[in-house]
Amino acid sequence: MKAVITVTGKDNVGIIAKVSAVCADYKANILEISQTVLHEYFAMIMLCDIADLSVSFMEFSDSLTRLGKETGLDIHALHEDIFNSMHKI
């Protein structure tokens, strides 16, 4: 099982470290990461293996959302099943 995590917001030091720390805390393995800074805006997409999560996916997603609120970022985790369903033609 995989999840797609998106992070957007004003760039500042430590964004990748903070999101990665949440992933590590809950045993989500980062498979791929793409990030860019456009002027002062940060955008990142991560693909994580969530097969060994230590909590439910909802708890994992909620903790990333909380991190986003605490840091002024927009962070979303989307389970691959939902992501794939949204993008089927």
C-alpha atoms as a PDB file:
ATOM      1  CA  MET A   1       0.000   0.000   0.000  1.00  0.00           C
ATOM      2  CA  LYS A   2       1.137   3.483  -0.793  1.00  0.00           C
ATOM      3  CA  ALA A   3       0.158   7.055  -0.014  1.00  0.00           C
ATOM      4  CA  VAL A   4       0.734  10.312  -1.842  1.00  0.00           C
ATOM      5  CA  ILE A   5       1.594  13.223   0.462  1.00  0.00           C
ATOM      6  CA  THR A   6       1.439  16.786  -0.816  1.00  0.00           C
ATOM      7  CA  VAL A   7       2.873  19.824   0.953  1.00  0.00           C
ATOM      8  CA  THR A   8       2.456  23.426  -0.180  1.00  0.00           C
ATOM      9  CA  GLY A   9       3.024  26.778   1.465  1.00  0.00           C
ATOM     10  CA  LYS A  10       5.505  29.514   2.160  1.00  0.00           C
ATOM     11  CA  ASP A  11       9.062  28.177   2.130  1.00  0.00           C
ATOM     12  CA  ASN A  12      10.988  27.931   5.381  1.00  0.00           C
ATOM     13  CA  VAL A  13      13.776  25.854   6.862  1.00  0.00           C
ATOM     14  CA  GLY A  14      13.003  22.272   7.897  1.00  0.00           C
ATOM     15  CA  ILE A  15       9.833  21.443   5.990  1.00  0.00           C
ATOM     16  CA  ILE A  16      11.177  18.214   4.521  1.00  0.00           C
ATOM     17  CA  ALA A  17      12.711  17.244   7.870  1.00  0.00           C
ATOM     18  CA  LYS A  18       9.425  17.764   9.748  1.00  0.00           C
ATOM     19  CA  VAL A  19       7.296  15.817   7.267  1.00  0.00           C
ATOM     20  CA  SER A  20       9.924  13.059   7.071  1.00  0.00           C
ATOM     21  CA  ALA A  21       9.997  12.841  10.884  1.00  0.00           C
ATOM     22  CA  VAL A  22       6.233  12.190  10.985  1.00  0.00           C
ATOM     23  CA  CYS A  23       6.665   9.487   8.343  1.00  0.00           C
ATOM     24  CA  ALA A  24       9.477   7.882  10.347  1.00  0.00           C
ATOM     25  CA  ASP A  25       7.510   8.093  13.615  1.00  0.00           C
ATOM     26  CA  TYR A  26       4.682   6.062  12.072  1.00  0.00           C
ATOM     27  CA  LYS A  27       6.884   3.741   9.985  1.00  0.00           C
ATOM     28  CA  ALA A  28       5.900   5.145   6.578  1.00  0.00           C
ATOM     29  CA  ASN A  29       8.807   4.547   4.214  1.00  0.00           C
ATOM     30  CA  ILE A  30       9.500   7.373   1.758  1.00  0.00           C
ATOM     31  CA  LEU A  31       9.911   5.856  -1.716  1.00  0.00           C
ATOM     32  CA  GLU A  32      10.140   9.000  -3.838  1.00  0.00           C
ATOM     33  CA  ILE A  33      10.179  12.698  -3.206  1.00  0.00           C
ATOM     34  CA  SER A  34       9.954  15.702  -5.496  1.00  0.00           C
ATOM     35  CA  GLN A  35      10.152  19.244  -4.222  1.00  0.00           C
ATOM     36  CA  THR A  36      10.628  22.697  -5.628  1.00  0.00           C
ATOM     37  CA  VAL A  37      10.652  26.283  -4.486  1.00  0.00           C
ATOM     38  CA  LEU A  38       8.943  28.836  -6.721  1.00  0.00           C
ATOM     39  CA  HIS A  39      10.049  32.254  -5.478  1.00  0.00           C
ATOM     40  CA  GLU A  40       9.058  31.995  -1.807  1.00  0.00           C
ATOM     41  CA  TYR A  41       6.565  29.133  -2.225  1.00  0.00           C
ATOM     42  CA  PHE A  42       7.370  25.513  -1.412  1.00  0.00           C
ATOM     43  CA  ALA A  43       5.749  22.506  -3.129  1.00  0.00           C
ATOM     44  CA  MET A  44       6.483  18.837  -2.454  1.00  0.00           C
ATOM     45  CA  ILE A  45       5.027  15.479  -3.422  1.00  0.00           C
ATOM     46  CA  MET A  46       6.079  12.316  -1.601  1.00  0.00           C
ATOM     47  CA  LEU A  47       5.233   8.714  -2.370  1.00  0.00           C
ATOM     48  CA  CYS A  48       5.351   6.548   0.754  1.00  0.00           C
ATOM     49  CA  ASP A  49       4.987   2.842   1.432  1.00  0.00           C
ATOM     50  CA  ILE A  50       2.423   2.613   4.231  1.00  0.00           C
ATOM     51  CA  ALA A  51       2.176  -1.176   4.487  1.00  0.00           C
ATOM     52  CA  ASP A  52       3.883  -1.158   7.895  1.00  0.00           C
ATOM     53  CA  LEU A  53       2.188   1.888   9.453  1.00  0.00           C
ATOM     54  CA  SER A  54       2.141   1.677  13.244  1.00  0.00           C
ATOM     55  CA  VAL A  55      -1.259   3.458  13.369  1.00  0.00           C
ATOM     56  CA  SER A  56      -4.317   3.582  11.136  1.00  0.00           C
ATOM     57  CA  PHE A  57      -4.030   5.531   7.896  1.00  0.00           C
ATOM     58  CA  MET A  58      -6.532   8.068   9.274  1.00  0.00           C
ATOM     59  CA  GLU A  59      -4.341   8.716  12.332  1.00  0.00           C
ATOM     60  CA  PHE A  60      -1.290   9.100  10.097  1.00  0.00           C
ATOM     61  CA  SER A  61      -3.135  11.492   7.800  1.00  0.00           C
ATOM     62  CA  ASP A  62      -4.491  13.487  10.753  1.00  0.00           C
ATOM     63  CA  SER A  63      -1.007  13.896  12.238  1.00  0.00           C
ATOM     64  CA  LEU A  64       0.252  15.311   8.930  1.00  0.00           C
ATOM     65  CA  THR A  65      -2.729  17.673   8.779  1.00  0.00           C
ATOM     66  CA  ARG A  66      -1.956  18.832  12.345  1.00  0.00           C
ATOM     67  CA  LEU A  67       1.670  19.431  11.375  1.00  0.00           C
ATOM     68  CA  GLY A  68       0.447  21.543   8.485  1.00  0.00           C
ATOM     69  CA  LYS A  69      -1.716  23.671  10.765  1.00  0.00           C
ATOM     70  CA  GLU A  70       1.148  24.111  13.246  1.00  0.00           C
ATOM     71  CA  THR A  71       3.576  25.201  10.520  1.00  0.00           C
ATOM     72  CA  GLY A  72       1.258  27.186   8.249  1.00  0.00           C
ATOM     73  CA  LEU A  73       1.473  24.606   5.452  1.00  0.00           C
ATOM     74  CA  ASP A  74      -1.172  22.735   3.510  1.00  0.00           C
ATOM     75  CA  ILE A  75      -0.369  19.025   3.998  1.00  0.00           C
ATOM     76  CA  HIS A  76      -2.535  16.193   2.692  1.00  0.00           C
ATOM     77  CA  ALA A  77      -2.067  12.429   2.640  1.00  0.00           C
ATOM     78  CA  LEU A  78      -4.070  10.494   0.090  1.00  0.00           C
ATOM     79  CA  HIS A  79      -4.261   6.703   0.082  1.00  0.00           C
ATOM     80  CA  GLU A  80      -3.271   5.242  -3.292  1.00  0.00           C
ATOM     81  CA  ASP A  81      -6.679   3.562  -3.672  1.00  0.00           C
ATOM     82  CA  ILE A  82      -8.429   6.944  -3.525  1.00  0.00           C
ATOM     83  CA  PHE A  83      -5.786   8.579  -5.708  1.00  0.00           C
ATOM     84  CA  ASN A  84      -6.116   5.850  -8.341  1.00  0.00           C
ATOM     85  CA  SER A  85      -9.927   6.003  -8.267  1.00  0.00           C
ATOM     86  CA  MET A  86      -9.886   9.777  -8.763  1.00  0.00           C
ATOM     87  CA  HIS A  87      -7.694   9.482 -11.836  1.00  0.00           C
ATOM     88  CA  LYS A  88      -9.378   6.653 -13.729  1.00  0.00           C
ATOM     89  CA  ILE A  89     -11.002   7.547 -16.996  1.00  0.00           C
END
